[in-house]
Amino acid sequence: MTAIDDSALKLDPEEARRVRQERLERIGRWVLPLAIMILAIWLWDRVCVWNEIPKYILPRPGVVLQTLYDDAGLLFSSLLVTLRITFLSLLLAVIGGVGLAVLFAQSKWVEMSFFPFAIVLQVTPIVAIFPLINIYVDNQTVKLLLCAWIVAFFPILSNTTLGLNSVDRNLRDMFKLNGATRWQQLRYLRLPAAMPYFLGGLKIAGGLSLIGAVVAEFVAGAQGQSSGLASRIIEAGYRLNAPRLFAALILISLAGILIFLVLSLVSHLILRRWHESALKQER
């Protein structure tokens, strides 16, 4: 124990300052957001009390939490509906995005022919597309899936295509000199090189799939056809039930945060042993 203490004391001032700075940054990364959130919640509560705001306009945080507890059965069942659409659309976006990106990487002619249509889907607001989907598709779940898939599809396609086309030219030439087939180049060179790009697109698509599912439910819920969280928000708005509206918004936010954290963890676990971005986090 004494030897360890002696070695710590022998750190030069610059190194000790750097270690102290890193320790403060690690603590601050968690403490500062929590402190600001607690302060914001306290101010929210105080504003409601000081201005005597009715709960149907702006409920106090305690009222929202009580509503979240009282209506847990209704809200969490609706959350499951929304998450089911979210994850199914994300899965379809991964399958379609990666498959089409591989096809683009194999043929520039295919990429030039079809990539503009993917851009059109990306830049067209989903609320403008939904009326057409509503006309041509009968199944309600398929409607919601299609809307959420359109929103989540492009980041995976774009990032994966970029990754597949960003392989080091020298490595590609080496594979060709050694007689590697297209399949071998794809499997052993291009797909591993594209993995960080794909995982980056996946983290973006995870949040977008939730947004797409909620937006689709909003449009469908306006017709009374949805049982997801968006329809609960619309219903609470019509009834001036602000506590339930805020409770549903909190659940959507927490779901989005959890999706991002899970996908970030998956990305880190896959890349931590070989990619520079994850290796830096390990230090």
C-alpha atoms as a PDB file:
ATOM      1  CA  MET A   1       0.000   0.000   0.000  1.00  0.00           C
ATOM      2  CA  THR A   2       2.885   2.332   0.831  1.00  0.00           C
ATOM      3  CA  ALA A   3       4.542   1.620  -2.517  1.00  0.00           C
ATOM      4  CA  ILE A   4       1.373   2.552  -4.357  1.00  0.00           C
ATOM      5  CA  ASP A   5       1.067   5.778  -2.384  1.00  0.00           C
ATOM      6  CA  ASP A   6       4.694   6.627  -3.087  1.00  0.00           C
ATOM      7  CA  SER A   7       4.257   6.068  -6.830  1.00  0.00           C
ATOM      8  CA  ALA A   8       1.154   8.292  -6.808  1.00  0.00           C
ATOM      9  CA  LEU A   9       3.090  11.022  -5.045  1.00  0.00           C
ATOM     10  CA  LYS A  10       5.825  10.848  -7.692  1.00  0.00           C
ATOM     11  CA  LEU A  11       3.421  11.957 -10.463  1.00  0.00           C
ATOM     12  CA  ASP A  12       4.600  15.190 -11.994  1.00  0.00           C
ATOM     13  CA  PRO A  13       2.227  18.189 -11.587  1.00  0.00           C
ATOM     14  CA  GLU A  14       1.099  18.083 -15.221  1.00  0.00           C
ATOM     15  CA  GLU A  15       0.182  14.381 -15.043  1.00  0.00           C
ATOM     16  CA  ALA A  16      -1.570  14.853 -11.702  1.00  0.00           C
ATOM     17  CA  ARG A  17      -3.552  17.755 -13.161  1.00  0.00           C
ATOM     18  CA  ARG A  18      -4.577  15.624 -16.153  1.00  0.00           C
ATOM     19  CA  VAL A  19      -5.698  12.731 -13.934  1.00  0.00           C
ATOM     20  CA  ARG A  20      -7.656  15.124 -11.725  1.00  0.00           C
ATOM     21  CA  GLN A  21      -9.281  16.709 -14.787  1.00  0.00           C
ATOM     22  CA  GLU A  22     -10.328  13.307 -16.167  1.00  0.00           C
ATOM     23  CA  ARG A  23     -11.819  12.346 -12.809  1.00  0.00           C
ATOM     24  CA  LEU A  24     -13.805  15.589 -12.650  1.00  0.00           C
ATOM     25  CA  GLU A  25     -15.066  15.079 -16.211  1.00  0.00           C
ATOM     26  CA  ARG A  26     -16.250  11.541 -15.418  1.00  0.00           C
ATOM     27  CA  ILE A  27     -18.144  12.805 -12.380  1.00  0.00           C
ATOM     28  CA  GLY A  28     -19.485  15.887 -14.158  1.00  0.00           C
ATOM     29  CA  ARG A  29     -20.799  13.833 -17.079  1.00  0.00           C
ATOM     30  CA  TRP A  30     -23.430  12.408 -14.731  1.00  0.00           C
ATOM     31  CA  VAL A  31     -23.750  14.969 -11.938  1.00  0.00           C
ATOM     32  CA  LEU A  32     -24.283  18.102 -14.068  1.00  0.00           C
ATOM     33  CA  PRO A  33     -27.223  16.764 -16.155  1.00  0.00           C
ATOM     34  CA  LEU A  34     -28.865  15.366 -13.014  1.00  0.00           C
ATOM     35  CA  ALA A  35     -28.418  18.641 -11.147  1.00  0.00           C
ATOM     36  CA  ILE A  36     -29.871  20.676 -14.016  1.00  0.00           C
ATOM     37  CA  MET A  37     -32.803  18.264 -14.359  1.00  0.00           C
ATOM     38  CA  ILE A  38     -33.564  18.446 -10.629  1.00  0.00           C
ATOM     39  CA  LEU A  39     -33.373  22.255 -10.769  1.00  0.00           C
ATOM     40  CA  ALA A  40     -35.700  22.346 -13.799  1.00  0.00           C
ATOM     41  CA  ILE A  41     -38.252  20.106 -12.057  1.00  0.00           C
ATOM     42  CA  TRP A  42     -38.090  22.249  -8.924  1.00  0.00           C
ATOM     43  CA  LEU A  43     -38.618  25.430 -10.964  1.00  0.00           C
ATOM     44  CA  TRP A  44     -41.520  23.770 -12.793  1.00  0.00           C
ATOM     45  CA  ASP A  45     -43.155  22.959  -9.445  1.00  0.00           C
ATOM     46  CA  ARG A  46     -42.523  26.435  -8.046  1.00  0.00           C
ATOM     47  CA  VAL A  47     -43.950  28.172 -11.147  1.00  0.00           C
ATOM     48  CA  CYS A  48     -47.154  26.144 -10.765  1.00  0.00           C
ATOM     49  CA  VAL A  49     -47.420  27.077  -7.070  1.00  0.00           C
ATOM     50  CA  TRP A  50     -46.449  30.752  -7.362  1.00  0.00           C
ATOM     51  CA  ASN A  51     -48.816  31.427 -10.266  1.00  0.00           C
ATOM     52  CA  GLU A  52     -51.588  29.100  -9.010  1.00  0.00           C
ATOM     53  CA  ILE A  53     -51.784  27.430 -12.420  1.00  0.00           C
ATOM     54  CA  PRO A  54     -54.645  24.901 -12.716  1.00  0.00           C
ATOM     55  CA  LYS A  55     -53.549  21.324 -13.274  1.00  0.00           C
ATOM     56  CA  TYR A  56     -55.499  21.090 -16.550  1.00  0.00           C
ATOM     57  CA  ILE A  57     -53.130  23.751 -17.950  1.00  0.00           C
ATOM     58  CA  LEU A  58     -49.813  22.878 -16.293  1.00  0.00           C
ATOM     59  CA  PRO A  59     -49.809  20.132 -13.650  1.00  0.00           C
ATOM     60  CA  ARG A  60     -47.176  19.970 -10.931  1.00  0.00           C
ATOM     61  CA  PRO A  61     -44.523  17.238 -11.253  1.00  0.00           C
ATOM     62  CA  GLY A  62     -45.981  15.346  -8.311  1.00  0.00           C
ATOM     63  CA  VAL A  63     -49.403  15.258  -9.975  1.00  0.00           C
ATOM     64  CA  VAL A  64     -47.819  13.912 -13.180  1.00  0.00           C
ATOM     65  CA  LEU A  65     -46.025  11.155 -11.265  1.00  0.00           C
ATOM     66  CA  GLN A  66     -49.232  10.270  -9.405  1.00  0.00           C
ATOM     67  CA  THR A  67     -51.094  10.069 -12.736  1.00  0.00           C
ATOM     68  CA  LEU A  68     -48.323   7.905 -14.162  1.00  0.00           C
ATOM     69  CA  TYR A  69     -48.833   5.533 -11.235  1.00  0.00           C
ATOM     70  CA  ASP A  70     -52.644   5.600 -11.305  1.00  0.00           C
ATOM     71  CA  ASP A  71     -52.880   5.132 -15.095  1.00  0.00           C
ATOM     72  CA  ALA A  72     -49.935   2.754 -15.352  1.00  0.00           C
ATOM     73  CA  GLY A  73     -52.015  -0.074 -16.804  1.00  0.00           C
ATOM     74  CA  LEU A  74     -53.456   2.062 -19.584  1.00  0.00           C
ATOM     75  CA  LEU A  75     -50.265   3.965 -20.397  1.00  0.00           C
ATOM     76  CA  PHE A  76     -47.869   1.021 -20.319  1.00  0.00           C
ATOM     77  CA  SER A  77     -50.128  -1.108 -22.504  1.00  0.00           C
ATOM     78  CA  SER A  78     -50.152   1.733 -25.022  1.00  0.00           C
ATOM     79  CA  LEU A  79     -46.371   2.032 -24.684  1.00  0.00           C
ATOM     80  CA  LEU A  80     -46.013  -1.640 -25.607  1.00  0.00           C
ATOM     81  CA  VAL A  81     -48.049  -1.034 -28.763  1.00  0.00           C
ATOM     82  CA  THR A  82     -45.808   1.883 -29.728  1.00  0.00           C
ATOM     83  CA  LEU A  83     -42.615  -0.057 -28.953  1.00  0.00           C
ATOM     84  CA  ARG A  84     -43.810  -3.031 -30.981  1.00  0.00           C
ATOM     85  CA  ILE A  85     -44.214  -0.796 -34.037  1.00  0.00           C
ATOM     86  CA  THR A  86     -40.878   0.872 -33.265  1.00  0.00           C
ATOM     87  CA  PHE A  87     -38.818  -2.304 -33.058  1.00  0.00           C
ATOM     88  CA  LEU A  88     -40.503  -4.010 -35.988  1.00  0.00           C
ATOM     89  CA  SER A  89     -39.928  -0.968 -38.192  1.00  0.00           C
ATOM     90  CA  LEU A  90     -36.311  -0.760 -37.016  1.00  0.00           C
ATOM     91  CA  LEU A  91     -35.786  -4.427 -37.852  1.00  0.00           C
ATOM     92  CA  LEU A  92     -37.264  -3.941 -41.320  1.00  0.00           C
ATOM     93  CA  ALA A  93     -35.127  -0.815 -41.790  1.00  0.00           C
ATOM     94  CA  VAL A  94     -31.986  -2.781 -40.897  1.00  0.00           C
ATOM     95  CA  ILE A  95     -32.842  -5.623 -43.260  1.00  0.00           C
ATOM     96  CA  GLY A  96     -33.852  -3.329 -46.114  1.00  0.00           C
ATOM     97  CA  GLY A  97     -31.149  -0.715 -45.553  1.00  0.00           C
ATOM     98  CA  VAL A  98     -28.232  -3.132 -45.252  1.00  0.00           C
ATOM     99  CA  GLY A  99     -29.476  -5.313 -48.109  1.00  0.00           C
ATOM    100  CA  LEU A 100     -29.899  -2.378 -50.449  1.00  0.00           C
ATOM    101  CA  ALA A 101     -26.553  -0.875 -49.376  1.00  0.00           C
ATOM    102  CA  VAL A 102     -24.780  -4.131 -50.233  1.00  0.00           C
ATOM    103  CA  LEU A 103     -26.502  -4.087 -53.608  1.00  0.00           C
ATOM    104  CA  PHE A 104     -25.399  -0.478 -54.147  1.00  0.00           C
ATOM    105  CA  ALA A 105     -21.818  -1.383 -53.241  1.00  0.00           C
ATOM    106  CA  GLN A 106     -21.793  -4.160 -55.839  1.00  0.00           C
ATOM    107  CA  SER A 107     -23.037  -1.990 -58.680  1.00  0.00           C
ATOM    108  CA  LYS A 108     -22.660   1.771 -59.153  1.00  0.00           C
ATOM    109  CA  TRP A 109     -25.391   1.628 -61.800  1.00  0.00           C
ATOM    110  CA  VAL A 110     -27.861   0.249 -59.260  1.00  0.00           C
ATOM    111  CA  GLU A 111     -26.881   2.952 -56.741  1.00  0.00           C
ATOM    112  CA  MET A 112     -27.276   5.745 -59.289  1.00  0.00           C
ATOM    113  CA  SER A 113     -30.658   4.328 -60.344  1.00  0.00           C
ATOM    114  CA  PHE A 114     -32.302   3.816 -56.943  1.00  0.00           C
ATOM    115  CA  PHE A 115     -30.577   6.101 -54.412  1.00  0.00           C
ATOM    116  CA  PRO A 116     -32.528   9.208 -55.562  1.00  0.00           C
ATOM    117  CA  PHE A 117     -35.786   7.425 -54.706  1.00  0.00           C
ATOM    118  CA  ALA A 118     -34.499   6.789 -51.173  1.00  0.00           C
ATOM    119  CA  ILE A 119     -33.737  10.514 -50.883  1.00  0.00           C
ATOM    120  CA  VAL A 120     -37.285  11.336 -52.022  1.00  0.00           C
ATOM    121  CA  LEU A 121     -38.689   9.119 -49.263  1.00  0.00           C
ATOM    122  CA  GLN A 122     -36.421  10.793 -46.719  1.00  0.00           C
ATOM    123  CA  VAL A 123     -37.244  14.416 -47.569  1.00  0.00           C
ATOM    124  CA  THR A 124     -41.019  13.960 -47.998  1.00  0.00           C
ATOM    125  CA  PRO A 125     -42.881  14.578 -44.687  1.00  0.00           C
ATOM    126  CA  ILE A 126     -44.486  11.407 -43.415  1.00  0.00           C
ATOM    127  CA  VAL A 127     -47.728  13.256 -42.627  1.00  0.00           C
ATOM    128  CA  ALA A 128     -47.972  14.027 -46.348  1.00  0.00           C
ATOM    129  CA  ILE A 129     -47.411  10.399 -47.330  1.00  0.00           C
ATOM    130  CA  PHE A 130     -49.805   8.862 -44.808  1.00  0.00           C
ATOM    131  CA  PRO A 131     -53.049   9.781 -46.644  1.00  0.00           C
ATOM    132  CA  LEU A 132     -51.810   7.776 -49.639  1.00  0.00           C
ATOM    133  CA  ILE A 133     -50.818   4.862 -47.405  1.00  0.00           C
ATOM    134  CA  ASN A 134     -54.238   5.071 -45.770  1.00  0.00           C
ATOM    135  CA  ILE A 135     -55.897   4.694 -49.173  1.00  0.00           C
ATOM    136  CA  TYR A 136     -53.812   1.790 -50.487  1.00  0.00           C
ATOM    137  CA  VAL A 137     -53.191  -0.235 -47.301  1.00  0.00           C
ATOM    138  CA  ASP A 138     -56.033  -1.800 -45.329  1.00  0.00           C
ATOM    139  CA  ASN A 139     -54.227  -3.293 -42.334  1.00  0.00           C
ATOM    140  CA  GLN A 140     -53.706  -0.728 -39.559  1.00  0.00           C
ATOM    141  CA  THR A 141     -50.494  -2.299 -38.227  1.00  0.00           C
ATOM    142  CA  VAL A 142     -48.990  -2.364 -41.720  1.00  0.00           C
ATOM    143  CA  LYS A 143     -49.823   1.327 -42.124  1.00  0.00           C
ATOM    144  CA  LEU A 144     -47.990   2.248 -38.947  1.00  0.00           C
ATOM    145  CA  LEU A 145     -45.059  -0.030 -39.770  1.00  0.00           C
ATOM    146  CA  LEU A 146     -44.708   1.452 -43.224  1.00  0.00           C
ATOM    147  CA  CYS A 147     -44.674   5.016 -41.887  1.00  0.00           C
ATOM    148  CA  ALA A 148     -42.108   4.259 -39.179  1.00  0.00           C
ATOM    149  CA  TRP A 149     -39.976   2.254 -41.653  1.00  0.00           C
ATOM    150  CA  ILE A 150     -39.845   5.148 -44.124  1.00  0.00           C
ATOM    151  CA  VAL A 151     -38.481   7.432 -41.394  1.00  0.00           C
ATOM    152  CA  ALA A 152     -35.894   4.944 -40.052  1.00  0.00           C
ATOM    153  CA  PHE A 153     -34.747   3.446 -43.357  1.00  0.00           C
ATOM    154  CA  PHE A 154     -32.595   6.206 -44.857  1.00  0.00           C
ATOM    155  CA  PRO A 155     -29.954   6.646 -42.077  1.00  0.00           C
ATOM    156  CA  ILE A 156     -29.088   2.947 -42.201  1.00  0.00           C
ATOM    157  CA  LEU A 157     -28.996   2.872 -45.994  1.00  0.00           C
ATOM    158  CA  SER A 158     -26.927   6.063 -46.257  1.00  0.00           C
ATOM    159  CA  ASN A 159     -24.416   5.229 -43.504  1.00  0.00           C
ATOM    160  CA  THR A 160     -23.933   1.622 -44.569  1.00  0.00           C
ATOM    161  CA  THR A 161     -23.461   2.604 -48.202  1.00  0.00           C
ATOM    162  CA  LEU A 162     -20.875   5.197 -47.147  1.00  0.00           C
ATOM    163  CA  GLY A 163     -19.056   2.606 -45.037  1.00  0.00           C
ATOM    164  CA  LEU A 164     -18.991   0.001 -47.804  1.00  0.00           C
ATOM    165  CA  ASN A 165     -17.581   2.582 -50.227  1.00  0.00           C
ATOM    166  CA  SER A 166     -14.985   3.908 -47.767  1.00  0.00           C
ATOM    167  CA  VAL A 167     -12.698   0.867 -47.776  1.00  0.00           C
ATOM    168  CA  ASP A 168      -8.992   1.653 -48.116  1.00  0.00           C
ATOM    169  CA  ARG A 169      -8.115   1.385 -51.813  1.00  0.00           C
ATOM    170  CA  ASN A 170      -4.776  -0.284 -51.015  1.00  0.00           C
ATOM    171  CA  LEU A 171      -6.509  -3.029 -49.054  1.00  0.00           C
ATOM    172  CA  ARG A 172      -8.995  -3.522 -51.872  1.00  0.00           C
ATOM    173  CA  ASP A 173      -6.145  -3.841 -54.395  1.00  0.00           C
ATOM    174  CA  MET A 174      -4.383  -6.331 -52.139  1.00  0.00           C
ATOM    175  CA  PHE A 175      -7.497  -8.502 -51.975  1.00  0.00           C
ATOM    176  CA  LYS A 176      -7.756  -8.395 -55.771  1.00  0.00           C
ATOM    177  CA  LEU A 177      -4.076  -9.309 -56.209  1.00  0.00           C
ATOM    178  CA  ASN A 178      -4.624 -12.336 -53.970  1.00  0.00           C
ATOM    179  CA  GLY A 179      -7.539 -13.485 -56.127  1.00  0.00           C
ATOM    180  CA  ALA A 180     -10.362 -12.692 -53.677  1.00  0.00           C
ATOM    181  CA  THR A 181     -13.831 -12.978 -55.127  1.00  0.00           C
ATOM    182  CA  ARG A 182     -16.452 -10.252 -54.742  1.00  0.00           C
ATOM    183  CA  TRP A 183     -18.115 -12.232 -51.980  1.00  0.00           C
ATOM    184  CA  GLN A 184     -14.813 -12.616 -50.104  1.00  0.00           C
ATOM    185  CA  GLN A 185     -14.080  -8.892 -50.440  1.00  0.00           C
ATOM    186  CA  LEU A 186     -17.541  -8.103 -49.149  1.00  0.00           C
ATOM    187  CA  ARG A 187     -17.375 -10.533 -46.241  1.00  0.00           C
ATOM    188  CA  TYR A 188     -13.816 -10.028 -45.017  1.00  0.00           C
ATOM    189  CA  LEU A 189     -13.098  -6.415 -45.990  1.00  0.00           C
ATOM    190  CA  ARG A 190     -16.059  -4.216 -46.836  1.00  0.00           C
ATOM    191  CA  LEU A 191     -18.601  -5.364 -44.239  1.00  0.00           C
ATOM    192  CA  PRO A 192     -16.159  -5.083 -41.286  1.00  0.00           C
ATOM    193  CA  ALA A 193     -15.045  -1.657 -42.540  1.00  0.00           C
ATOM    194  CA  ALA A 194     -18.674  -0.537 -42.789  1.00  0.00           C
ATOM    195  CA  MET A 195     -19.619  -1.764 -39.301  1.00  0.00           C
ATOM    196  CA  PRO A 196     -18.902   1.550 -37.457  1.00  0.00           C
ATOM    197  CA  TYR A 197     -20.895   3.462 -40.082  1.00  0.00           C
ATOM    198  CA  PHE A 198     -23.785   0.998 -39.824  1.00  0.00           C
ATOM    199  CA  LEU A 199     -23.847   1.201 -36.024  1.00  0.00           C
ATOM    200  CA  GLY A 200     -23.841   4.995 -36.192  1.00  0.00           C
ATOM    201  CA  GLY A 201     -26.801   4.873 -38.559  1.00  0.00           C
ATOM    202  CA  LEU A 202     -28.504   2.331 -36.297  1.00  0.00           C
ATOM    203  CA  LYS A 203     -28.359   4.692 -33.313  1.00  0.00           C
ATOM    204  CA  ILE A 204     -29.952   7.434 -35.403  1.00  0.00           C
ATOM    205  CA  ALA A 205     -32.552   5.078 -36.857  1.00  0.00           C
ATOM    206  CA  GLY A 206     -33.512   3.812 -33.392  1.00  0.00           C
ATOM    207  CA  GLY A 207     -34.741   7.238 -32.349  1.00  0.00           C
ATOM    208  CA  LEU A 208     -36.269   7.961 -35.739  1.00  0.00           C
ATOM    209  CA  SER A 209     -38.239   4.714 -35.703  1.00  0.00           C
ATOM    210  CA  LEU A 210     -39.827   5.775 -32.401  1.00  0.00           C
ATOM    211  CA  ILE A 211     -40.571   9.217 -33.850  1.00  0.00           C
ATOM    212  CA  GLY A 212     -42.034   7.620 -36.970  1.00  0.00           C
ATOM    213  CA  ALA A 213     -44.215   5.276 -34.919  1.00  0.00           C
ATOM    214  CA  VAL A 214     -45.535   8.135 -32.765  1.00  0.00           C
ATOM    215  CA  VAL A 215     -46.185  10.411 -35.758  1.00  0.00           C
ATOM    216  CA  ALA A 216     -47.971   7.604 -37.591  1.00  0.00           C
ATOM    217  CA  GLU A 217     -50.094   6.921 -34.495  1.00  0.00           C
ATOM    218  CA  PHE A 218     -50.922  10.625 -34.271  1.00  0.00           C
ATOM    219  CA  VAL A 219     -52.251  10.658 -37.827  1.00  0.00           C
ATOM    220  CA  ALA A 220     -54.104   7.369 -37.382  1.00  0.00           C
ATOM    221  CA  GLY A 221     -55.205   8.289 -33.874  1.00  0.00           C
ATOM    222  CA  ALA A 222     -56.950  11.374 -35.184  1.00  0.00           C
ATOM    223  CA  GLN A 223     -59.331   8.896 -36.840  1.00  0.00           C
ATOM    224  CA  GLY A 224     -59.686   6.857 -33.643  1.00  0.00           C
ATOM    225  CA  GLN A 225     -57.817   3.878 -35.050  1.00  0.00           C
ATOM    226  CA  SER A 226     -54.721   3.739 -32.847  1.00  0.00           C
ATOM    227  CA  SER A 227     -54.128   2.482 -29.316  1.00  0.00           C
ATOM    228  CA  GLY A 228     -50.528   3.631 -28.946  1.00  0.00           C
ATOM    229  CA  LEU A 229     -49.241   6.413 -26.722  1.00  0.00           C
ATOM    230  CA  ALA A 230     -49.907   9.044 -29.372  1.00  0.00           C
ATOM    231  CA  SER A 231     -53.621   8.306 -29.253  1.00  0.00           C
ATOM    232  CA  ARG A 232     -53.508   8.654 -25.445  1.00  0.00           C
ATOM    233  CA  ILE A 233     -51.928  12.090 -25.883  1.00  0.00           C
ATOM    234  CA  ILE A 234     -54.633  13.146 -28.344  1.00  0.00           C
ATOM    235  CA  GLU A 235     -57.346  11.779 -26.081  1.00  0.00           C
ATOM    236  CA  ALA A 236     -55.886  13.554 -23.032  1.00  0.00           C
ATOM    237  CA  GLY A 237     -55.647  16.799 -25.004  1.00  0.00           C
ATOM    238  CA  TYR A 238     -59.309  16.651 -26.010  1.00  0.00           C
ATOM    239  CA  ARG A 239     -60.320  16.024 -22.381  1.00  0.00           C
ATOM    240  CA  LEU A 240     -57.930  18.663 -20.950  1.00  0.00           C
ATOM    241  CA  ASN A 241     -56.291  15.867 -18.958  1.00  0.00           C
ATOM    242  CA  ALA A 242     -52.874  17.518 -18.851  1.00  0.00           C
ATOM    243  CA  PRO A 243     -51.406  15.182 -16.174  1.00  0.00           C
ATOM    244  CA  ARG A 244     -52.003  12.115 -18.365  1.00  0.00           C
ATOM    245  CA  LEU A 245     -50.664  14.004 -21.403  1.00  0.00           C
ATOM    246  CA  PHE A 246     -47.440  14.829 -19.556  1.00  0.00           C
ATOM    247  CA  ALA A 247     -47.188  11.258 -18.241  1.00  0.00           C
ATOM    248  CA  ALA A 248     -47.438   9.876 -21.788  1.00  0.00           C
ATOM    249  CA  LEU A 249     -44.793  12.344 -22.992  1.00  0.00           C
ATOM    250  CA  ILE A 250     -42.469  11.241 -20.183  1.00  0.00           C
ATOM    251  CA  LEU A 251     -42.898   7.593 -21.191  1.00  0.00           C
ATOM    252  CA  ILE A 252     -42.093   8.397 -24.833  1.00  0.00           C
ATOM    253  CA  SER A 253     -38.995  10.353 -23.801  1.00  0.00           C
ATOM    254  CA  LEU A 254     -37.775   7.606 -21.485  1.00  0.00           C
ATOM    255  CA  ALA A 255     -38.360   5.001 -24.196  1.00  0.00           C
ATOM    256  CA  GLY A 256     -36.306   7.042 -26.663  1.00  0.00           C
ATOM    257  CA  ILE A 257     -33.474   7.500 -24.170  1.00  0.00           C
ATOM    258  CA  LEU A 258     -33.469   3.784 -23.346  1.00  0.00           C
ATOM    259  CA  ILE A 259     -33.374   2.823 -27.038  1.00  0.00           C
ATOM    260  CA  PHE A 260     -30.405   5.152 -27.623  1.00  0.00           C
ATOM    261  CA  LEU A 261     -28.524   3.835 -24.578  1.00  0.00           C
ATOM    262  CA  VAL A 262     -29.084   0.198 -25.535  1.00  0.00           C
ATOM    263  CA  LEU A 263     -27.943   0.776 -29.126  1.00  0.00           C
ATOM    264  CA  SER A 264     -24.919   2.753 -27.881  1.00  0.00           C
ATOM    265  CA  LEU A 265     -24.009  -0.151 -25.604  1.00  0.00           C
ATOM    266  CA  VAL A 266     -24.372  -2.620 -28.467  1.00  0.00           C
ATOM    267  CA  SER A 267     -22.158  -0.413 -30.628  1.00  0.00           C
ATOM    268  CA  HIS A 268     -19.515  -0.174 -27.918  1.00  0.00           C
ATOM    269  CA  LEU A 269     -19.493  -3.924 -27.254  1.00  0.00           C
ATOM    270  CA  ILE A 270     -19.032  -4.689 -30.952  1.00  0.00           C
ATOM    271  CA  LEU A 271     -16.325  -2.079 -31.602  1.00  0.00           C
ATOM    272  CA  ARG A 272     -14.439  -1.955 -28.311  1.00  0.00           C
ATOM    273  CA  ARG A 273     -11.728  -4.479 -29.212  1.00  0.00           C
ATOM    274  CA  TRP A 274     -10.720  -3.126 -32.598  1.00  0.00           C
ATOM    275  CA  HIS A 275     -12.129   0.273 -33.585  1.00  0.00           C
ATOM    276  CA  GLU A 276     -10.391   3.484 -32.585  1.00  0.00           C
ATOM    277  CA  SER A 277     -13.562   5.250 -31.395  1.00  0.00           C
ATOM    278  CA  ALA A 278     -14.257   2.537 -28.813  1.00  0.00           C
ATOM    279  CA  LEU A 279     -10.593   2.049 -27.870  1.00  0.00           C
ATOM    280  CA  LYS A 280     -10.369   5.702 -26.842  1.00  0.00           C
ATOM    281  CA  GLN A 281     -13.330   5.237 -24.525  1.00  0.00           C
ATOM    282  CA  GLU A 282     -11.598   2.290 -22.885  1.00  0.00           C
ATOM    283  CA  ARG A 283      -8.597   4.400 -21.834  1.00  0.00           C
END
